[in-house]
Amino acid sequence: MKKILNIISSVKGNESFSNKLSGAILEKLSATYPGSTVQTRDLTKNPFPYLEESHLTAFYTPDEARTAEHREAIRHSDAAISELKDTDVIVIGVPMYNFAIPSTLKSWIDHIIRRGVTFSYEEGGLPEGLVKNKKVYLAIASGGVFSEGPMKSYDFTESYLRTALGLIGLTDITAFRVEGHFKSETKETALPKALGTVEEYAY
């Protein structure tokens, strides 16, 4: 039995390839761990605010010195971090927009990366993640093929997420990809191929 957090960042709803891929992952997890619960956070319907000075000021103000304004500015971050810490598995749907992740997903990440809360610096200046012992699945969707070949260097989805999530201790990451669904030669096979990799994976 697992607590699963499902992050949606595609604006395409039921037509989204990343959502379809995430759905397949969630089905496998539920079958593998009967009785699991799924908490869905749809960033397209309830987006996090972009970071402003008020947020950063609140982040770096000691708790005992925070004003009511600070606590209002920090409430989204506190809620997201609490949700993250209270889960066992995180499934993140990641459509590629202009070679990178959606801005709504970036905002969520900006609110969960907080020094002294989700990561700290050890002596010598090396960061240590404080959110540990959790599994992350990335469901990445792209119209072209970016996992290999001439366009690989244009992909800033998986590499960024591995770096950003790794900073806070989320290093056990598996990425699934549905790619090439805009290309005539792969559009019919892109999703079935991706779903096949999800089905074959040992959870």
C-alpha atoms as a PDB file:
ATOM      1  CA  MET A   1       0.000   0.000   0.000  1.00  0.00           C
ATOM      2  CA  LYS A   2       1.465   3.329  -1.092  1.00  0.00           C
ATOM      3  CA  LYS A   3       0.561   6.985  -0.931  1.00  0.00           C
ATOM      4  CA  ILE A   4       0.899   8.261  -4.495  1.00  0.00           C
ATOM      5  CA  LEU A   5       1.089  11.897  -5.572  1.00  0.00           C
ATOM      6  CA  ASN A   6       0.061  12.497  -9.193  1.00  0.00           C
ATOM      7  CA  ILE A   7       1.233  15.790 -10.711  1.00  0.00           C
ATOM      8  CA  ILE A   8      -0.510  16.995 -13.890  1.00  0.00           C
ATOM      9  CA  SER A   9       1.042  19.791 -15.943  1.00  0.00           C
ATOM     10  CA  SER A  10      -0.421  19.327 -19.425  1.00  0.00           C
ATOM     11  CA  VAL A  11      -3.109  21.727 -20.627  1.00  0.00           C
ATOM     12  CA  LYS A  12      -4.572  19.135 -23.015  1.00  0.00           C
ATOM     13  CA  GLY A  13      -6.612  17.168 -20.492  1.00  0.00           C
ATOM     14  CA  ASN A  14      -7.783  13.764 -21.696  1.00  0.00           C
ATOM     15  CA  GLU A  15      -6.029  14.278 -25.026  1.00  0.00           C
ATOM     16  CA  SER A  16      -2.668  14.677 -23.328  1.00  0.00           C
ATOM     17  CA  PHE A  17      -0.072  12.019 -24.062  1.00  0.00           C
ATOM     18  CA  SER A  18       1.734  12.709 -20.791  1.00  0.00           C
ATOM     19  CA  ASN A  19      -1.567  12.246 -18.918  1.00  0.00           C
ATOM     20  CA  LYS A  20      -2.211   8.970 -20.739  1.00  0.00           C
ATOM     21  CA  LEU A  21       1.267   7.773 -19.861  1.00  0.00           C
ATOM     22  CA  SER A  22       0.858   8.857 -16.233  1.00  0.00           C
ATOM     23  CA  GLY A  23      -2.473   7.035 -16.135  1.00  0.00           C
ATOM     24  CA  ALA A  24      -0.809   3.802 -17.218  1.00  0.00           C
ATOM     25  CA  ILE A  25       1.852   4.205 -14.517  1.00  0.00           C
ATOM     26  CA  LEU A  26      -0.823   4.831 -11.893  1.00  0.00           C
ATOM     27  CA  GLU A  27      -2.733   1.726 -12.977  1.00  0.00           C
ATOM     28  CA  LYS A  28       0.388  -0.424 -12.644  1.00  0.00           C
ATOM     29  CA  LEU A  29       1.212   1.029  -9.243  1.00  0.00           C
ATOM     30  CA  SER A  30      -2.324   0.442  -7.991  1.00  0.00           C
ATOM     31  CA  ALA A  31      -2.217  -3.147  -9.229  1.00  0.00           C
ATOM     32  CA  THR A  32       1.215  -3.753  -7.698  1.00  0.00           C
ATOM     33  CA  TYR A  33       0.316  -2.134  -4.376  1.00  0.00           C
ATOM     34  CA  PRO A  34      -3.373  -2.851  -3.664  1.00  0.00           C
ATOM     35  CA  GLY A  35      -5.048  -0.356  -1.377  1.00  0.00           C
ATOM     36  CA  SER A  36      -2.829   2.522  -2.486  1.00  0.00           C
ATOM     37  CA  THR A  37      -4.243   6.038  -2.510  1.00  0.00           C
ATOM     38  CA  VAL A  38      -3.722   8.619  -5.238  1.00  0.00           C
ATOM     39  CA  GLN A  39      -3.679  12.359  -4.538  1.00  0.00           C
ATOM     40  CA  THR A  40      -3.846  14.365  -7.768  1.00  0.00           C
ATOM     41  CA  ARG A  41      -2.560  17.910  -8.041  1.00  0.00           C
ATOM     42  CA  ASP A  42      -3.554  19.449 -11.384  1.00  0.00           C
ATOM     43  CA  LEU A  43      -1.247  22.420 -11.890  1.00  0.00           C
ATOM     44  CA  THR A  44      -3.240  23.590 -14.912  1.00  0.00           C
ATOM     45  CA  LYS A  45      -6.365  24.104 -12.798  1.00  0.00           C
ATOM     46  CA  ASN A  46      -4.691  25.265  -9.592  1.00  0.00           C
ATOM     47  CA  PRO A  47      -1.336  26.756 -10.590  1.00  0.00           C
ATOM     48  CA  PHE A  48       1.229  27.926  -8.102  1.00  0.00           C
ATOM     49  CA  PRO A  49       2.098  31.624  -8.214  1.00  0.00           C
ATOM     50  CA  TYR A  50       5.336  32.590  -9.906  1.00  0.00           C
ATOM     51  CA  LEU A  51       7.969  33.507  -7.374  1.00  0.00           C
ATOM     52  CA  GLU A  52       7.987  37.151  -6.358  1.00  0.00           C
ATOM     53  CA  GLU A  53       9.967  39.090  -3.791  1.00  0.00           C
ATOM     54  CA  SER A  54       7.314  38.433  -1.142  1.00  0.00           C
ATOM     55  CA  HIS A  55       7.790  34.675  -1.488  1.00  0.00           C
ATOM     56  CA  LEU A  56      11.564  34.802  -1.296  1.00  0.00           C
ATOM     57  CA  THR A  57      11.441  37.138   1.694  1.00  0.00           C
ATOM     58  CA  ALA A  58       9.099  34.751   3.495  1.00  0.00           C
ATOM     59  CA  PHE A  59      11.269  31.739   2.640  1.00  0.00           C
ATOM     60  CA  TYR A  60      14.322  33.294   4.266  1.00  0.00           C
ATOM     61  CA  THR A  61      12.590  34.783   7.299  1.00  0.00           C
ATOM     62  CA  PRO A  62      12.867  32.599  10.433  1.00  0.00           C
ATOM     63  CA  ASP A  63       9.554  31.048  11.400  1.00  0.00           C
ATOM     64  CA  GLU A  64       9.318  32.881  14.712  1.00  0.00           C
ATOM     65  CA  ALA A  65       9.763  36.222  12.924  1.00  0.00           C
ATOM     66  CA  ARG A  66       7.215  35.692  10.158  1.00  0.00           C
ATOM     67  CA  THR A  67       4.341  38.105   9.923  1.00  0.00           C
ATOM     68  CA  ALA A  68       0.826  37.338   8.703  1.00  0.00           C
ATOM     69  CA  GLU A  69       1.922  38.584   5.277  1.00  0.00           C
ATOM     70  CA  HIS A  70       4.878  36.190   5.299  1.00  0.00           C
ATOM     71  CA  ARG A  71       2.649  33.273   6.199  1.00  0.00           C
ATOM     72  CA  GLU A  72       0.233  34.109   3.398  1.00  0.00           C
ATOM     73  CA  ALA A  73       3.114  34.284   0.926  1.00  0.00           C
ATOM     74  CA  ILE A  74       4.509  30.958   2.063  1.00  0.00           C
ATOM     75  CA  ARG A  75       1.307  28.929   2.342  1.00  0.00           C
ATOM     76  CA  HIS A  76       1.474  27.446  -1.167  1.00  0.00           C
ATOM     77  CA  SER A  77       5.025  26.287  -0.570  1.00  0.00           C
ATOM     78  CA  ASP A  78       4.244  24.850   2.858  1.00  0.00           C
ATOM     79  CA  ALA A  79       1.247  22.945   1.465  1.00  0.00           C
ATOM     80  CA  ALA A  80       3.213  21.510  -1.451  1.00  0.00           C
ATOM     81  CA  ILE A  81       6.121  20.421   0.739  1.00  0.00           C
ATOM     82  CA  SER A  82       3.817  18.836   3.303  1.00  0.00           C
ATOM     83  CA  GLU A  83       2.069  16.963   0.511  1.00  0.00           C
ATOM     84  CA  LEU A  84       5.397  15.837  -0.915  1.00  0.00           C
ATOM     85  CA  LYS A  85       6.758  14.611   2.412  1.00  0.00           C
ATOM     86  CA  ASP A  86       3.554  12.693   3.126  1.00  0.00           C
ATOM     87  CA  THR A  87       3.785  10.591  -0.029  1.00  0.00           C
ATOM     88  CA  ASP A  88       5.702   7.467  -1.036  1.00  0.00           C
ATOM     89  CA  VAL A  89       5.600   7.709  -4.809  1.00  0.00           C
ATOM     90  CA  ILE A  90       5.432  10.751  -7.097  1.00  0.00           C
ATOM     91  CA  VAL A  91       4.201  10.489 -10.699  1.00  0.00           C
ATOM     92  CA  ILE A  92       4.835  13.624 -12.758  1.00  0.00           C
ATOM     93  CA  GLY A  93       3.306  14.172 -16.187  1.00  0.00           C
ATOM     94  CA  VAL A  94       5.756  16.194 -18.257  1.00  0.00           C
ATOM     95  CA  PRO A  95       4.740  17.464 -21.701  1.00  0.00           C
ATOM     96  CA  MET A  96       7.635  19.064 -23.515  1.00  0.00           C
ATOM     97  CA  TYR A  97       6.881  22.710 -24.330  1.00  0.00           C
ATOM     98  CA  ASN A  98       9.572  24.440 -26.394  1.00  0.00           C
ATOM     99  CA  PHE A  99      12.201  21.893 -25.329  1.00  0.00           C
ATOM    100  CA  ALA A 100      11.492  22.293 -21.599  1.00  0.00           C
ATOM    101  CA  ILE A 101       8.893  21.691 -18.883  1.00  0.00           C
ATOM    102  CA  PRO A 102       5.651  23.713 -18.601  1.00  0.00           C
ATOM    103  CA  SER A 103       5.869  26.937 -16.609  1.00  0.00           C
ATOM    104  CA  THR A 104       3.273  25.627 -14.144  1.00  0.00           C
ATOM    105  CA  LEU A 105       5.503  22.674 -13.297  1.00  0.00           C
ATOM    106  CA  LYS A 106       8.489  24.999 -12.904  1.00  0.00           C
ATOM    107  CA  SER A 107       6.482  27.097 -10.432  1.00  0.00           C
ATOM    108  CA  TRP A 108       5.641  24.016  -8.375  1.00  0.00           C
ATOM    109  CA  ILE A 109       9.322  23.106  -8.265  1.00  0.00           C
ATOM    110  CA  ASP A 110      10.236  26.661  -7.228  1.00  0.00           C
ATOM    111  CA  HIS A 111       7.911  26.294  -4.245  1.00  0.00           C
ATOM    112  CA  ILE A 112       9.213  22.902  -3.101  1.00  0.00           C
ATOM    113  CA  ILE A 113      12.919  23.754  -3.276  1.00  0.00           C
ATOM    114  CA  ARG A 114      13.650  25.587  -0.029  1.00  0.00           C
ATOM    115  CA  ARG A 115      16.922  25.803   1.794  1.00  0.00           C
ATOM    116  CA  GLY A 116      16.638  24.519   5.339  1.00  0.00           C
ATOM    117  CA  VAL A 117      13.339  22.780   4.573  1.00  0.00           C
ATOM    118  CA  THR A 118      13.869  20.429   1.624  1.00  0.00           C
ATOM    119  CA  PHE A 119      17.647  20.735   1.297  1.00  0.00           C
ATOM    120  CA  SER A 120      20.578  22.025   3.287  1.00  0.00           C
ATOM    121  CA  TYR A 121      24.250  22.704   2.749  1.00  0.00           C
ATOM    122  CA  GLU A 122      26.802  20.510   4.493  1.00  0.00           C
ATOM    123  CA  GLU A 123      30.177  21.776   5.551  1.00  0.00           C
ATOM    124  CA  GLY A 124      32.159  22.283   2.397  1.00  0.00           C
ATOM    125  CA  GLY A 125      29.192  23.695   0.539  1.00  0.00           C
ATOM    126  CA  LEU A 126      27.687  20.496  -0.832  1.00  0.00           C
ATOM    127  CA  PRO A 127      23.868  20.322  -0.834  1.00  0.00           C
ATOM    128  CA  GLU A 128      22.056  17.529   0.974  1.00  0.00           C
ATOM    129  CA  GLY A 129      18.486  16.656   0.082  1.00  0.00           C
ATOM    130  CA  LEU A 130      16.065  16.347   2.986  1.00  0.00           C
ATOM    131  CA  VAL A 131      13.187  14.621   1.142  1.00  0.00           C
ATOM    132  CA  LYS A 132      14.351  11.035   0.928  1.00  0.00           C
ATOM    133  CA  ASN A 133      13.212   7.447   0.414  1.00  0.00           C
ATOM    134  CA  LYS A 134      10.648   8.237  -2.263  1.00  0.00           C
ATOM    135  CA  LYS A 135      10.230   6.957  -5.798  1.00  0.00           C
ATOM    136  CA  VAL A 136       9.618   9.291  -8.734  1.00  0.00           C
ATOM    137  CA  TYR A 137       8.219   8.389 -12.147  1.00  0.00           C
ATOM    138  CA  LEU A 138       8.384  10.900 -14.993  1.00  0.00           C
ATOM    139  CA  ALA A 139       5.872  10.555 -17.828  1.00  0.00           C
ATOM    140  CA  ILE A 140       7.486  12.655 -20.560  1.00  0.00           C
ATOM    141  CA  ALA A 141       5.692  13.373 -23.830  1.00  0.00           C
ATOM    142  CA  SER A 142       7.156  15.043 -26.902  1.00  0.00           C
ATOM    143  CA  GLY A 143       6.065  15.403 -30.498  1.00  0.00           C
ATOM    144  CA  GLY A 144       9.556  14.618 -31.729  1.00  0.00           C
ATOM    145  CA  VAL A 145      12.181  12.120 -30.641  1.00  0.00           C
ATOM    146  CA  PHE A 146      14.548  13.576 -28.055  1.00  0.00           C
ATOM    147  CA  SER A 147      15.824  10.624 -26.042  1.00  0.00           C
ATOM    148  CA  GLU A 148      18.342   9.832 -28.768  1.00  0.00           C
ATOM    149  CA  GLY A 149      19.492  11.038 -32.150  1.00  0.00           C
ATOM    150  CA  PRO A 150      20.216  14.535 -33.481  1.00  0.00           C
ATOM    151  CA  MET A 151      17.644  16.294 -31.275  1.00  0.00           C
ATOM    152  CA  LYS A 152      18.828  14.865 -27.963  1.00  0.00           C
ATOM    153  CA  SER A 153      20.735  18.019 -26.984  1.00  0.00           C
ATOM    154  CA  TYR A 154      17.494  20.018 -27.290  1.00  0.00           C
ATOM    155  CA  ASP A 155      15.806  18.132 -24.461  1.00  0.00           C
ATOM    156  CA  PHE A 156      15.760  20.083 -21.184  1.00  0.00           C
ATOM    157  CA  THR A 157      12.964  18.115 -19.517  1.00  0.00           C
ATOM    158  CA  GLU A 158      14.500  15.017 -17.973  1.00  0.00           C
ATOM    159  CA  SER A 159      17.936  16.489 -17.244  1.00  0.00           C
ATOM    160  CA  TYR A 160      16.444  19.510 -15.472  1.00  0.00           C
ATOM    161  CA  LEU A 161      14.007  17.456 -13.405  1.00  0.00           C
ATOM    162  CA  ARG A 162      16.690  14.982 -12.347  1.00  0.00           C
ATOM    163  CA  THR A 163      18.882  17.876 -11.219  1.00  0.00           C
ATOM    164  CA  ALA A 164      16.171  19.915  -9.475  1.00  0.00           C
ATOM    165  CA  LEU A 165      14.488  16.968  -7.758  1.00  0.00           C
ATOM    166  CA  GLY A 166      17.842  15.450  -6.911  1.00  0.00           C
ATOM    167  CA  LEU A 167      18.745  18.614  -5.001  1.00  0.00           C
ATOM    168  CA  ILE A 168      16.011  17.904  -2.457  1.00  0.00           C
ATOM    169  CA  GLY A 169      16.791  14.196  -2.186  1.00  0.00           C
ATOM    170  CA  LEU A 170      14.538  12.726  -4.879  1.00  0.00           C
ATOM    171  CA  THR A 171      17.166  10.713  -6.725  1.00  0.00           C
ATOM    172  CA  ASP A 172      15.313   7.439  -7.375  1.00  0.00           C
ATOM    173  CA  ILE A 173      13.824   8.523 -10.690  1.00  0.00           C
ATOM    174  CA  THR A 174      12.552   6.453 -13.599  1.00  0.00           C
ATOM    175  CA  ALA A 175      11.566   8.191 -16.826  1.00  0.00           C
ATOM    176  CA  PHE A 176       9.088   6.826 -19.346  1.00  0.00           C
ATOM    177  CA  ARG A 177       8.666   8.561 -22.694  1.00  0.00           C
ATOM    178  CA  VAL A 178       6.017   8.752 -25.355  1.00  0.00           C
ATOM    179  CA  GLU A 179       7.797  10.514 -28.185  1.00  0.00           C
ATOM    180  CA  GLY A 180       7.402  11.108 -31.871  1.00  0.00           C
ATOM    181  CA  HIS A 181       3.633  11.430 -31.818  1.00  0.00           C
ATOM    182  CA  PHE A 182       3.836  14.385 -34.236  1.00  0.00           C
ATOM    183  CA  LYS A 183       6.021  12.517 -36.725  1.00  0.00           C
ATOM    184  CA  SER A 184       4.243  10.706 -39.543  1.00  0.00           C
ATOM    185  CA  GLU A 185       6.447   7.634 -39.282  1.00  0.00           C
ATOM    186  CA  THR A 186       5.966   7.168 -35.510  1.00  0.00           C
ATOM    187  CA  LYS A 187       2.653   8.812 -34.582  1.00  0.00           C
ATOM    188  CA  GLU A 188       0.716   5.524 -34.663  1.00  0.00           C
ATOM    189  CA  THR A 189       3.258   3.581 -32.612  1.00  0.00           C
ATOM    190  CA  ALA A 190       4.469   6.239 -30.158  1.00  0.00           C
ATOM    191  CA  LEU A 191       1.868   5.706 -27.442  1.00  0.00           C
ATOM    192  CA  PRO A 192       1.605   1.889 -27.709  1.00  0.00           C
ATOM    193  CA  LYS A 193       5.405   1.653 -27.505  1.00  0.00           C
ATOM    194  CA  ALA A 194       5.475   3.849 -24.403  1.00  0.00           C
ATOM    195  CA  LEU A 195       2.650   1.929 -22.733  1.00  0.00           C
ATOM    196  CA  GLY A 196       4.555  -1.265 -23.434  1.00  0.00           C
ATOM    197  CA  THR A 197       7.581  -0.014 -21.497  1.00  0.00           C
ATOM    198  CA  VAL A 198       5.308   0.867 -18.570  1.00  0.00           C
ATOM    199  CA  GLU A 199       3.747  -2.604 -18.644  1.00  0.00           C
ATOM    200  CA  GLU A 200       7.130  -4.370 -18.725  1.00  0.00           C
ATOM    201  CA  TYR A 201       8.721  -2.350 -15.928  1.00  0.00           C
ATOM    202  CA  ALA A 202       9.196  -4.101 -12.561  1.00  0.00           C
ATOM    203  CA  TYR A 203       7.648  -1.792  -9.940  1.00  0.00           C
END
